[in-house]
Protein backbone atom coordinates (compact mmCIF):
# COMPACT_ATOMS: atom_id res chain seq x y z
CA MET A 1 11.19 -9.88 2.39
CA ALA A 2 8.78 -10.70 -0.43
CA ASP A 3 6.29 -12.25 2.02
CA GLU A 4 6.24 -9.08 4.10
CA ALA A 5 5.58 -6.90 1.05
CA LYS A 6 2.92 -9.35 -0.12
CA ALA A 7 1.19 -9.25 3.28
CA LYS A 8 1.18 -5.43 3.15
CA GLY A 9 -0.29 -5.58 -0.36
CA ASN A 10 -3.02 -7.96 0.80
CA ALA A 11 -3.88 -5.66 3.70
CA ALA A 12 -4.02 -2.60 1.44
CA PHE A 13 -6.23 -4.47 -1.05
CA SER A 14 -8.59 -5.60 1.72
CA SER A 15 -8.92 -1.97 2.93
CA GLY A 16 -9.65 -0.71 -0.60
CA ASP A 17 -6.33 1.14 -1.05
CA TYR A 18 -5.59 -0.42 -4.44
CA ALA A 19 -2.81 2.02 -5.41
CA ALA A 20 -0.89 1.09 -2.25
CA ALA A 21 -1.58 -2.58 -2.97
CA VAL A 22 0.04 -2.18 -6.42
CA ARG A 23 3.13 -0.61 -4.82
CA HIS A 24 3.53 -3.37 -2.25
CA PHE A 25 2.99 -6.18 -4.76
CA SER A 26 5.52 -4.50 -7.08
CA ASP A 27 8.04 -4.48 -4.21
CA ALA A 28 7.34 -8.17 -3.62
CA ILE A 29 7.77 -8.96 -7.34
CA ALA A 30 11.14 -7.21 -7.33
CA LEU A 31 12.24 -9.60 -4.58
CA SER A 32 10.53 -12.71 -6.01
CA PRO A 33 10.03 -12.22 -9.78
CA ASP A 34 8.93 -15.83 -10.43
CA ASN A 35 6.07 -15.93 -7.93
CA HIS A 36 2.85 -16.25 -9.96
CA VAL A 37 0.62 -15.34 -6.99
CA LEU A 38 2.19 -11.85 -6.77
CA TYR A 39 1.41 -11.10 -10.43
CA SER A 40 -2.13 -12.41 -9.90
CA ASN A 41 -2.65 -10.14 -6.88
CA ARG A 42 -1.24 -7.09 -8.66
CA SER A 43 -3.48 -7.84 -11.67
CA ALA A 44 -6.51 -7.77 -9.36
CA SER A 45 -5.30 -4.44 -7.89
CA TYR A 46 -4.86 -2.90 -11.34
CA ALA A 47 -8.30 -4.13 -12.36
CA SER A 48 -9.81 -2.51 -9.26
CA LEU A 49 -8.16 0.76 -10.37
CA LYS A 50 -9.65 0.16 -13.89
CA LYS A 51 -6.11 -0.03 -15.30
CA TYR A 52 -7.07 -3.00 -17.40
CA SER A 53 -4.06 -2.91 -19.74
CA ASP A 54 -1.71 -3.27 -16.77
CA ALA A 55 -4.02 -5.91 -15.29
CA LEU A 56 -3.87 -7.83 -18.58
CA ALA A 57 -0.06 -7.77 -18.68
CA ASP A 58 0.14 -9.18 -15.14
CA ALA A 59 -2.55 -11.79 -15.86
CA LYS A 60 -0.62 -13.00 -18.91
CA LYS A 61 2.54 -13.25 -16.78
CA THR A 62 0.59 -15.25 -14.17
CA VAL A 63 -0.59 -17.75 -16.78
CA GLU A 64 2.89 -17.93 -18.27
CA LEU A 65 4.44 -18.78 -14.88
CA LYS A 66 1.66 -21.16 -13.76
CA PRO A 67 -0.38 -22.40 -16.77
CA ASP A 68 -2.23 -25.03 -14.68
CA TRP A 69 -3.54 -22.53 -12.09
CA SER A 70 -7.20 -21.71 -12.69
CA LYS A 71 -7.15 -18.35 -10.89
CA GLY A 72 -4.70 -16.99 -13.49
CA TYR A 73 -7.36 -17.42 -16.19
CA SER A 74 -9.90 -15.73 -13.96
CA ARG A 75 -7.57 -12.68 -13.81
CA LEU A 76 -6.99 -12.91 -17.57
CA GLY A 77 -10.72 -13.01 -18.29
CA ALA A 78 -11.43 -10.05 -15.98
CA ALA A 79 -8.75 -7.91 -17.68
CA HIS A 80 -10.04 -8.74 -21.19
CA LEU A 81 -13.59 -8.00 -20.05
CA GLY A 82 -12.50 -4.61 -18.67
CA LEU A 83 -10.96 -3.82 -22.08
CA SER A 84 -14.21 -4.88 -23.83
CA GLN A 85 -12.34 -7.78 -25.48
CA TYR A 86 -15.26 -10.12 -24.95
CA ASP A 87 -14.18 -13.03 -27.15
CA ASP A 88 -10.77 -13.14 -25.47
CA ALA A 89 -12.45 -12.96 -22.05
CA ILE A 90 -14.75 -15.89 -22.92
CA ALA A 91 -11.78 -17.94 -24.15
CA ALA A 92 -9.83 -17.23 -20.93
CA TYR A 93 -12.71 -18.23 -18.66
CA LYS A 94 -13.33 -21.43 -20.66
CA LYS A 95 -9.64 -22.34 -20.43
CA GLY A 96 -9.77 -21.91 -16.66
CA LEU A 97 -12.86 -24.11 -16.42
CA GLU A 98 -11.05 -26.84 -18.31
CA ILE A 99 -8.58 -26.90 -15.41
CA ASP A 100 -11.15 -26.49 -12.62
CA PRO A 101 -14.70 -27.25 -13.88
CA ASN A 102 -16.33 -26.46 -10.51
CA ASN A 103 -14.74 -23.04 -10.01
CA GLU A 104 -17.61 -20.64 -9.24
CA PRO A 105 -15.75 -17.33 -9.98
CA LEU A 106 -14.83 -18.68 -13.43
CA LYS A 107 -18.44 -19.68 -14.09
CA TYR A 108 -19.74 -16.27 -13.08
CA GLY A 109 -17.02 -14.54 -15.13
CA LEU A 110 -17.87 -16.59 -18.21
CA ALA A 111 -21.56 -15.74 -17.84
CA ASP A 112 -20.73 -12.01 -17.52
CA ALA A 113 -18.43 -12.10 -20.55
CA GLN A 114 -21.02 -13.93 -22.68
CA ALA A 115 -23.75 -11.48 -21.64
CA ALA A 116 -21.48 -8.49 -22.42
CA ALA A 117 -20.60 -9.96 -25.82
CA SER A 118 -24.28 -10.47 -26.59
CA ARG A 119 -25.08 -6.88 -25.64
CA ALA A 120 -22.21 -5.59 -27.74
CA ARG A 121 -23.39 -7.51 -30.82
CA SER A 122 -26.97 -6.28 -30.48
CA ALA A 123 -26.06 -2.68 -29.60
CA PRO A 124 -26.48 -0.05 -32.36
CA ALA A 125 -23.41 1.70 -33.75
CA ASN A 126 -22.19 4.62 -31.69
CA PRO A 127 -23.82 7.77 -33.17
CA PHE A 128 -21.23 10.05 -31.56
CA GLY A 129 -18.11 8.56 -33.18
CA ASP A 130 -17.29 11.52 -35.44
CA ALA A 131 -17.81 14.04 -32.65
CA PHE A 132 -14.77 12.74 -30.80
CA SER A 133 -12.32 12.51 -33.70
CA GLY A 134 -9.38 14.78 -34.44
CA PRO A 135 -8.04 17.88 -32.68
CA GLU A 136 -11.34 19.71 -33.30
CA MET A 137 -12.77 17.98 -30.21
CA TRP A 138 -10.21 19.61 -27.89
CA ALA A 139 -10.62 23.00 -29.59
CA ARG A 140 -14.41 22.94 -29.09
CA LEU A 141 -14.07 21.84 -25.47
CA THR A 142 -11.55 24.64 -24.85
CA ALA A 143 -13.82 27.24 -26.46
CA ASP A 144 -16.74 26.45 -24.16
CA PRO A 145 -16.34 28.15 -20.72
CA THR A 146 -17.85 25.20 -18.83
CA THR A 147 -15.86 22.38 -20.39
CA ARG A 148 -12.71 24.52 -20.42
CA VAL A 149 -12.67 24.18 -16.60
CA TYR A 150 -13.01 20.40 -16.90
CA LEU A 151 -9.87 20.24 -19.06
CA GLN A 152 -7.88 21.17 -15.96
CA GLN A 153 -9.10 17.96 -14.28
CA PRO A 154 -6.87 14.95 -15.13
CA ASP A 155 -9.60 12.34 -14.69
CA PHE A 156 -11.89 14.15 -17.17
CA VAL A 157 -9.06 14.46 -19.72
CA LYS A 158 -8.30 10.75 -19.31
CA MET A 159 -11.96 9.85 -19.93
CA MET A 160 -12.13 11.99 -23.08
CA GLN A 161 -8.86 10.48 -24.36
CA ASP A 162 -10.29 6.99 -23.84
CA ILE A 163 -13.48 7.93 -25.71
CA GLN A 164 -11.48 9.50 -28.54
CA LYS A 165 -9.41 6.31 -28.93
CA ASP A 166 -12.47 4.06 -28.75
CA PRO A 167 -15.89 5.78 -29.02
CA ASN A 168 -17.53 2.53 -27.88
CA LYS A 169 -16.17 3.26 -24.39
CA LEU A 170 -18.55 6.21 -24.15
CA ASN A 171 -21.06 4.00 -22.35
CA LEU A 172 -18.55 3.53 -19.52
CA TYR A 173 -18.60 7.25 -18.69
CA LEU A 174 -22.18 8.37 -19.39
CA LYS A 175 -22.94 8.58 -15.66
CA ASP A 176 -20.38 11.40 -15.34
CA GLN A 177 -22.21 14.73 -15.76
CA ARG A 178 -19.02 16.35 -17.14
CA VAL A 179 -18.97 13.87 -20.02
CA MET A 180 -22.66 14.58 -20.70
CA GLN A 181 -21.89 18.29 -20.76
CA ALA A 182 -19.02 17.67 -23.20
CA ILE A 183 -21.31 15.67 -25.50
CA GLY A 184 -23.72 18.59 -25.55
CA VAL A 185 -20.91 20.97 -26.51
CA LEU A 186 -19.55 18.66 -29.24
CA LEU A 187 -23.00 17.98 -30.74
CA ASN A 188 -24.17 21.56 -30.21
CA VAL A 189 -27.22 20.41 -28.27
CA LYS A 190 -28.40 20.96 -24.74
CA ILE A 191 -28.35 17.71 -22.80
CA ARG A 192 -31.14 17.39 -20.27
CA THR A 193 -31.43 14.72 -17.66
CA PRO A 194 -34.79 12.91 -17.87
CA LYS A 195 -37.29 13.72 -15.16
CA ARG A 196 -38.57 10.94 -13.00
CA LYS A 197 -42.22 10.06 -13.07
CA ARG A 198 -44.22 11.11 -10.09
CA ALA A 199 -44.99 8.44 -7.59
CA ALA A 200 -48.66 8.44 -8.67
CA GLU A 201 -47.69 7.99 -12.36
CA ALA A 202 -45.06 5.33 -11.77
CA GLU A 203 -45.98 1.84 -12.80
CA PRO A 204 -46.67 -0.45 -9.85
CA PRO A 205 -43.91 -3.00 -9.31
CA ARG A 206 -44.65 -6.41 -10.66
CA GLN A 207 -45.07 -9.10 -8.07
CA PRO A 208 -42.65 -11.96 -8.71
CA GLU A 209 -44.34 -15.18 -9.62
CA PRO A 210 -44.08 -17.72 -6.82
CA GLU A 211 -41.64 -20.50 -7.53
CA PRO A 212 -42.99 -24.03 -7.26
CA GLU A 213 -42.16 -25.79 -4.01
CA PRO A 214 -39.60 -28.56 -4.52
CA GLU A 215 -40.91 -32.06 -3.93
CA PRO A 216 -39.56 -33.70 -0.75
CA MET A 217 -36.92 -36.35 -1.33
CA ASP A 218 -37.21 -39.84 0.08
CA LEU A 219 -34.44 -40.49 2.61
CA SER A 220 -32.99 -43.84 3.62
CA GLU A 221 -32.87 -44.81 7.29
CA GLU A 222 -29.12 -44.12 7.33
CA GLU A 223 -29.62 -40.65 5.84
CA LYS A 224 -32.39 -39.88 8.32
CA ASP A 225 -30.15 -40.92 11.22
CA LYS A 226 -27.28 -38.78 9.88
CA LYS A 227 -29.58 -35.78 9.60
CA LEU A 228 -30.79 -36.22 13.18
CA ARG A 229 -27.23 -36.57 14.48
CA LYS A 230 -26.21 -33.36 12.70
CA ALA A 231 -29.16 -31.50 14.20
CA GLU A 232 -28.29 -32.79 17.67
CA ALA A 233 -24.62 -31.82 17.15
CA GLN A 234 -25.70 -28.24 16.37
CA LYS A 235 -27.66 -28.14 19.65
CA GLN A 236 -24.57 -29.34 21.52
CA LYS A 237 -22.51 -26.64 19.81
CA GLU A 238 -25.00 -23.91 20.80
CA ALA A 239 -24.86 -25.16 24.39
CA GLY A 240 -21.05 -25.03 24.21
CA ASN A 241 -21.18 -21.46 22.87
CA ALA A 242 -23.43 -20.40 25.75
CA ALA A 243 -21.07 -22.00 28.29
CA TYR A 244 -18.06 -20.33 26.64
CA LYS A 245 -19.67 -16.90 26.94
CA LYS A 246 -20.18 -17.55 30.65
CA LYS A 247 -16.49 -18.54 30.97
CA ASP A 248 -17.59 -22.04 32.00
CA PHE A 249 -14.82 -23.61 29.97
CA ASP A 250 -15.04 -27.21 31.22
CA THR A 251 -18.74 -27.36 30.33
CA ALA A 252 -18.04 -25.80 26.93
CA ILE A 253 -15.41 -28.47 26.18
CA HIS A 254 -17.90 -31.19 27.19
CA TYR A 255 -20.52 -29.91 24.72
CA TYR A 256 -18.09 -29.37 21.84
CA SER A 257 -16.64 -32.87 22.38
CA LYS A 258 -20.17 -34.32 22.32
CA ALA A 259 -20.89 -32.45 19.06
CA LEU A 260 -17.72 -33.97 17.54
CA GLU A 261 -18.85 -37.48 18.50
CA LEU A 262 -22.19 -36.88 16.76
CA ASP A 263 -20.81 -35.20 13.62
CA ASP A 264 -17.17 -35.35 12.47
CA GLU A 265 -17.89 -33.46 9.22
CA ASP A 266 -18.08 -29.99 10.77
CA ILE A 267 -14.65 -28.66 11.78
CA SER A 268 -16.18 -25.70 13.64
CA TYR A 269 -16.57 -28.00 16.68
CA LEU A 270 -12.79 -28.50 16.66
CA THR A 271 -11.98 -24.81 16.17
CA ASN A 272 -14.41 -23.82 18.94
CA ARG A 273 -12.90 -26.34 21.35
CA ALA A 274 -9.44 -25.03 20.38
CA ALA A 275 -10.61 -21.51 21.32
CA VAL A 276 -11.61 -22.78 24.78
CA TYR A 277 -8.24 -24.48 25.28
CA LEU A 278 -6.57 -21.23 24.23
CA GLU A 279 -8.50 -19.30 26.89
CA MET A 280 -7.59 -21.92 29.51
CA GLY A 281 -3.89 -21.69 28.64
CA LYS A 282 -3.83 -25.30 27.43
CA TYR A 283 -1.86 -24.40 24.32
CA GLU A 284 -0.74 -27.91 23.38
CA GLU A 285 -4.35 -29.15 23.31
CA CYS A 286 -5.34 -26.05 21.31
CA ILE A 287 -2.65 -26.77 18.69
CA LYS A 288 -3.70 -30.44 18.42
CA ASP A 289 -7.33 -29.46 17.75
CA CYS A 290 -6.25 -26.87 15.19
CA ASP A 291 -4.07 -29.40 13.34
CA LYS A 292 -6.97 -31.88 13.30
CA ALA A 293 -9.31 -29.15 12.01
CA VAL A 294 -6.95 -28.27 9.13
CA GLU A 295 -6.36 -31.92 8.21
CA ARG A 296 -10.05 -32.82 8.36
CA GLY A 297 -11.02 -29.59 6.61
CA ARG A 298 -8.80 -30.44 3.65
CA GLU A 299 -10.35 -33.91 3.43
CA LEU A 300 -13.87 -32.47 3.48
CA ARG A 301 -12.98 -29.48 1.24
CA SER A 302 -14.31 -27.21 3.97
CA ASP A 303 -14.67 -23.45 3.58
CA PHE A 304 -11.19 -21.90 3.34
CA LYS A 305 -12.22 -19.35 5.97
CA MET A 306 -12.67 -22.15 8.50
CA ILE A 307 -9.22 -23.54 7.71
CA ALA A 308 -7.76 -20.03 8.02
CA ARG A 309 -9.45 -19.66 11.41
CA ALA A 310 -7.90 -22.92 12.66
CA LEU A 311 -4.45 -21.82 11.48
CA THR A 312 -4.85 -18.41 13.12
CA ARG A 313 -5.77 -20.03 16.45
CA LYS A 314 -2.76 -22.32 16.20
CA GLY A 315 -0.51 -19.35 15.49
CA THR A 316 -1.92 -17.51 18.51
CA ALA A 317 -1.19 -20.52 20.74
CA LEU A 318 2.37 -20.72 19.39
CA VAL A 319 2.89 -17.02 20.17
CA LYS A 320 1.66 -17.59 23.74
CA MET A 321 4.21 -20.41 24.13
CA ALA A 322 7.13 -18.45 22.62
CA LYS A 323 10.04 -17.79 24.96
CA SER A 324 12.79 -16.87 22.49
CA SER A 325 12.94 -15.18 19.10
CA LYS A 326 13.25 -18.55 17.35
CA ASP A 327 10.00 -19.72 18.98
CA PHE A 328 8.16 -17.05 16.96
CA GLU A 329 9.19 -18.55 13.61
CA PRO A 330 6.59 -21.38 13.53
CA ALA A 331 3.91 -18.92 14.68
CA ILE A 332 4.80 -16.48 11.87
CA GLU A 333 4.80 -19.31 9.33
CA THR A 334 1.36 -20.45 10.56
CA PHE A 335 -0.11 -16.95 10.30
CA GLN A 336 1.26 -16.65 6.76
CA LYS A 337 -0.40 -19.95 5.82
CA ALA A 338 -3.67 -18.66 7.26
CA LEU A 339 -3.44 -15.53 5.10
CA THR A 340 -2.98 -17.65 1.96
CA GLU A 341 -6.29 -19.32 2.82
CA HIS A 342 -8.14 -16.10 3.63
CA ARG A 343 -7.02 -12.47 3.88
CA ASN A 344 -8.31 -11.60 7.31
CA PRO A 345 -7.34 -8.26 8.94
CA ASP A 346 -7.19 -9.86 12.39
CA THR A 347 -4.76 -12.54 11.16
CA LEU A 348 -2.64 -9.91 9.43
CA LYS A 349 -2.52 -7.89 12.65
CA LYS A 350 -1.42 -10.97 14.60
CA LEU A 351 1.27 -11.68 11.98
CA ASN A 352 2.63 -8.14 12.22
CA GLU A 353 2.63 -8.31 16.02
CA ALA A 354 4.46 -11.66 15.98
CA GLU A 355 7.09 -10.35 13.54
CA LYS A 356 7.61 -7.25 15.68
CA ALA A 357 7.86 -9.32 18.87
CA LYS A 358 10.41 -11.61 17.20
CA LYS A 359 12.46 -8.65 16.02
CA ASP A 360 12.35 -6.97 19.46
CA LEU A 361 13.34 -10.20 21.17
CA GLU A 362 16.18 -10.76 18.70
CA GLN A 363 17.44 -7.28 19.50
CA GLN A 364 17.23 -7.94 23.23
CA GLU A 365 19.03 -11.26 22.84
CA TYR A 366 21.72 -9.63 20.71
CA PHE A 367 22.09 -6.52 22.89
CA ASP A 368 25.59 -6.21 24.38
CA PRO A 369 27.00 -2.70 25.03
CA ASN A 370 30.53 -4.00 25.62
CA LEU A 371 30.70 -5.80 22.27
CA ALA A 372 29.09 -2.74 20.68
CA ASP A 373 31.93 -0.55 21.97
CA GLU A 374 34.51 -3.02 20.62
CA GLU A 375 32.90 -2.96 17.17
CA ARG A 376 32.74 0.85 17.23
CA GLU A 377 36.45 1.05 18.05
CA LYS A 378 37.21 -1.31 15.15
CA GLY A 379 35.17 0.98 12.92
CA ASN A 380 37.15 3.99 14.16
CA GLU A 381 40.43 2.27 13.25
CA TYR A 382 39.24 1.51 9.72
CA PHE A 383 37.97 5.09 9.38
CA LYS A 384 41.45 6.41 10.26
CA GLN A 385 42.89 4.12 7.58
CA GLN A 386 40.31 5.53 5.12
CA LYS A 387 38.79 2.06 4.68
CA TYR A 388 35.26 3.37 4.81
CA PRO A 389 33.25 0.29 3.67
CA GLU A 390 34.94 -1.80 6.38
CA ALA A 391 34.27 0.94 8.92
CA VAL A 392 30.57 1.01 7.94
CA ARG A 393 30.37 -2.77 8.46
CA HIS A 394 31.73 -2.54 12.01
CA TYR A 395 29.59 0.49 12.90
CA THR A 396 26.53 -1.40 11.68
CA GLU A 397 27.40 -4.40 13.83
CA SER A 398 27.92 -2.07 16.77
CA LEU A 399 24.43 -0.62 16.27
CA ARG A 400 22.95 -4.11 16.19
CA ARG A 401 24.56 -4.71 19.58
CA ASN A 402 23.48 -1.32 20.94
CA PRO A 403 21.02 0.63 18.77
CA LYS A 404 20.77 3.53 21.24
CA ASP A 405 24.33 4.88 20.96
CA PRO A 406 24.29 8.27 19.15
CA ARG A 407 28.10 8.22 18.74
CA THR A 408 27.96 5.22 16.45
CA TYR A 409 25.29 6.82 14.26
CA SER A 410 27.45 9.95 14.08
CA ASN A 411 30.52 7.95 13.04
CA ARG A 412 28.66 5.94 10.44
CA ALA A 413 27.19 9.19 9.06
CA ALA A 414 30.76 10.46 8.57
CA CYS A 415 31.61 7.23 6.69
CA TYR A 416 28.59 7.53 4.42
CA THR A 417 29.56 11.14 3.69
CA LYS A 418 33.05 10.02 2.66
CA LEU A 419 31.51 7.35 0.43
CA GLY A 420 29.15 9.86 -1.20
CA ALA A 421 26.08 8.07 0.20
CA MET A 422 24.43 11.32 1.27
CA PRO A 423 20.85 10.09 1.94
CA GLU A 424 22.18 7.35 4.26
CA GLY A 425 24.50 9.83 5.97
CA LEU A 426 21.65 12.28 6.50
CA LYS A 427 19.44 9.55 7.95
CA ASP A 428 22.15 8.51 10.44
CA ALA A 429 22.85 12.11 11.46
CA GLU A 430 19.17 12.73 12.10
CA LYS A 431 18.93 9.52 14.15
CA CYS A 432 21.96 10.66 16.17
CA ILE A 433 20.22 13.98 16.98
CA GLU A 434 16.98 12.16 17.79
CA LEU A 435 18.75 9.93 20.34
CA ASP A 436 20.65 12.83 21.95
CA PRO A 437 19.59 16.37 20.92
CA THR A 438 22.51 17.82 22.93
CA PHE A 439 25.18 15.79 21.08
CA VAL A 440 26.74 18.56 18.96
CA LYS A 441 28.57 16.16 16.64
CA GLY A 442 25.22 15.10 15.24
CA TYR A 443 24.57 18.66 14.02
CA THR A 444 27.99 18.95 12.40
CA ARG A 445 27.42 15.63 10.58
CA LYS A 446 23.96 16.65 9.40
CA GLY A 447 25.10 20.11 8.34
CA ALA A 448 28.05 18.66 6.40
CA VAL A 449 25.76 16.26 4.49
CA GLN A 450 23.32 19.05 3.65
CA PHE A 451 26.21 21.26 2.53
CA PHE A 452 27.52 18.56 0.19
CA MET A 453 23.98 18.14 -1.13
CA LYS A 454 24.08 21.91 -1.85
CA GLU A 455 21.16 22.56 0.48
CA TYR A 456 22.91 25.56 1.99
CA ASP A 457 19.85 27.08 3.71
CA LYS A 458 19.07 23.81 5.48
CA ALA A 459 22.71 23.32 6.43
CA LEU A 460 22.81 26.85 7.88
CA GLU A 461 19.72 26.12 10.01
CA THR A 462 21.29 22.88 11.24
CA TYR A 463 24.53 24.58 12.26
CA LYS A 464 22.60 27.33 14.07
CA GLU A 465 20.55 24.70 15.93
CA GLY A 466 23.79 23.06 17.06
CA LEU A 467 25.13 26.38 18.37
CA LYS A 468 22.22 26.52 20.83
CA HIS A 469 23.89 23.60 22.64
CA ASP A 470 27.52 24.71 22.19
CA PRO A 471 27.79 28.42 21.21
CA ASN A 472 31.59 28.32 20.85
CA ASN A 473 31.92 25.16 18.78
CA GLN A 474 34.42 26.03 16.05
CA GLU A 475 33.26 23.28 13.68
CA LEU A 476 29.73 24.66 13.75
CA LEU A 477 30.95 28.24 13.31
CA ASP A 478 33.10 27.23 10.34
CA GLY A 479 30.09 25.45 8.82
CA ILE A 480 28.00 28.60 9.14
CA GLY A 481 30.75 30.59 7.42
CA ARG A 482 30.84 28.20 4.47
CA CYS A 483 27.05 28.30 4.11
CA VAL A 484 26.88 32.10 4.25
CA GLN A 485 29.63 32.30 1.63
CA GLN A 486 27.66 30.09 -0.76
CA ILE A 487 24.38 31.88 -0.09
CA ASN A 488 26.01 35.30 -0.68
CA LYS A 489 27.53 33.96 -3.87
CA ALA A 490 24.02 33.35 -5.20
CA SER A 491 22.82 36.75 -3.89
CA ARG A 492 25.59 38.58 -5.75
CA GLY A 493 24.91 36.67 -8.94
CA ASP A 494 28.44 35.21 -8.91
CA LEU A 495 27.32 31.72 -9.88
CA SER A 496 28.45 30.36 -13.24
CA PRO A 497 25.65 29.46 -15.69
CA GLU A 498 26.27 25.76 -15.02
CA GLU A 499 26.16 26.25 -11.22
CA LEU A 500 23.02 28.37 -11.49
CA LYS A 501 21.28 25.80 -13.71
CA GLU A 502 22.22 22.94 -11.38
CA ARG A 503 21.12 24.83 -8.26
CA GLN A 504 17.79 25.84 -9.82
CA ALA A 505 17.07 22.29 -10.99
CA LYS A 506 17.76 20.93 -7.52
CA ALA A 507 15.68 23.64 -5.88
CA MET A 508 12.65 22.94 -8.07
CA GLN A 509 12.57 19.41 -6.65
CA ASP A 510 12.40 20.77 -3.09
CA PRO A 511 8.78 20.75 -1.80
CA GLU A 512 9.48 23.84 0.32
CA ILE A 513 10.62 25.84 -2.74
CA GLN A 514 7.64 24.57 -4.72
CA ASN A 515 5.24 25.71 -1.97
CA ILE A 516 6.83 29.17 -1.87
CA LEU A 517 6.50 29.59 -5.64
CA GLN A 518 2.89 28.38 -5.60
CA ASP A 519 1.91 30.69 -2.73
CA PRO A 520 -0.23 33.53 -4.25
CA VAL A 521 1.03 36.00 -1.61
CA MET A 522 4.68 35.27 -2.42
CA ARG A 523 4.04 35.50 -6.14
CA GLN A 524 2.61 38.98 -5.61
CA VAL A 525 5.63 39.87 -3.43
CA LEU A 526 7.99 38.86 -6.26
CA VAL A 527 6.00 40.98 -8.71
CA ASP A 528 6.19 43.96 -6.30
CA PHE A 529 9.98 43.59 -6.03
CA GLN A 530 10.17 43.95 -9.81
CA GLU A 531 7.51 46.57 -10.45
CA ASN A 532 6.51 48.34 -7.21
CA PRO A 533 9.51 49.52 -5.11
CA LYS A 534 7.27 51.14 -2.48
CA ALA A 535 5.36 47.91 -1.81
CA ALA A 536 8.64 45.99 -1.89
CA GLN A 537 9.97 48.26 0.87
CA GLU A 538 7.03 47.22 3.07
CA HIS A 539 7.64 43.53 2.35
CA THR A 540 11.23 43.82 3.64
CA LYS A 541 9.83 44.59 7.10
CA ASN A 542 8.14 41.19 7.26
CA PRO A 543 10.64 38.59 8.62
CA MET A 544 8.60 35.64 7.32
CA VAL A 545 8.49 37.05 3.79
CA MET A 546 12.20 37.87 3.80
CA ASN A 547 13.03 34.39 5.06
CA LYS A 548 11.23 32.90 2.06
CA ILE A 549 12.90 35.41 -0.29
CA GLN A 550 16.28 34.37 1.12
CA LYS A 551 15.48 30.72 0.40
CA LEU A 552 14.66 31.60 -3.22
CA ILE A 553 17.89 33.58 -3.51
CA SER A 554 19.94 30.69 -2.12
CA ALA A 555 18.23 28.37 -4.56
CA GLY A 556 19.21 30.61 -7.45
CA ILE A 557 15.56 31.21 -8.34
CA VAL A 558 15.72 35.01 -7.81
CA GLN A 559 18.54 37.53 -7.52
CA MET A 560 18.64 40.79 -5.56
CA ARG A 561 20.31 43.73 -7.26
């Protein structure tokens, strides 16, 4: 669901994991490509990662989809500003303010863009421009032993590429000591960091000039009365808070109700009273107060956080009242509305819990082992008729009715294998083993999938694991024979060039093979096998080393002669 991916993106963004936020928003966009909010959120994530070109593309898409939405121009201005395109940034912010003249983020953004443009116009030309041009820059950095090490660091290389494309971006990276070192190498000067003045030499801080006191305003009798009523309402609220902390709920409700009578322009009295009703288990009253708070908050243009709080309380009350999976739907919808008002981790947690509770309850309501067995038998019939897609459909329905039956996972794994859907087949086989580690059929399914995927070492291990539970199982023994045959084929060098190339390419994508090849000890072992027979003889006595060598042989990476 796009909403679920969006909620995950919001949570990742709130926690500062912007790369994860980009992934989740991209997933949501794939499901809902016309949702302008998703592009806006991903633009903000890209901007936080300083990927301003990507942020700009998403901001433009946001404005294209929703040209009358002021936040889109805020994203557009931020992306232009990050790319030092100050005039474009100013134009974007001004366009947004035409739509929403009171939008504070747009006003601040416009001020920042105008200040940056002013600084850029008054700044002297970059004196280092020539130092970063052409391939000579990389040659000089490579020749210096200090900067040569930096060239192995992707973030440093990226910074130098940015500076080479646009020397004016140098100012963005001057705080990085590696960049300062590189400048010294390119200009053939020794860069020194300025020493701070001693405390005694430092200039004393200037005392800010006192601002003139504002003149008191004359208030009408009505305004004076309103001010007094508001002050009294706050006292009633504080008394209600104190009673709430003491669990004296009836007294708390009395004070909050009194505060509401005195001042109906502060929705916190409603949300606080709703919290008391929630604690008392009076969920209907809680929901009524929350609805009033949201309605009144919209009329008064109250802080969006307050409206989000009222919606979250309502959602919590709805969850407390839920008795079936369908009862969770209004609660989930309410939590989602709250998150659109304000991304609050507590609300997101409640949303996730409600969605999980709904899913668990749906599963319980749908659970029926007898119907599950009927669906599995239907799947078996279609499997015998070689109608594998139909068989998969019935096995899937069977698992919905009884998700704890390892036999159904095993059967569906066999179907997926026939259909060539190896990753799905492997997943089902592993689930089958997880549910019942003694169910031998799960090992034969998993081993067969791994064999078809040409992961012969892994298939061999799977078959051997199955034999621990049934040492005489012929299917497992036959599987081991096939694996050994393929492994020996690689050992003897009997693979055709095409087979060898395919097996090596597949192996190089395997993290385990990559780790073996990157292990300094194993690299020395491989050298000894080629150049030092005596040392190689010692290595053969180490079972762990030989196990890794065997994996490389099976992968076609090395051959033993």
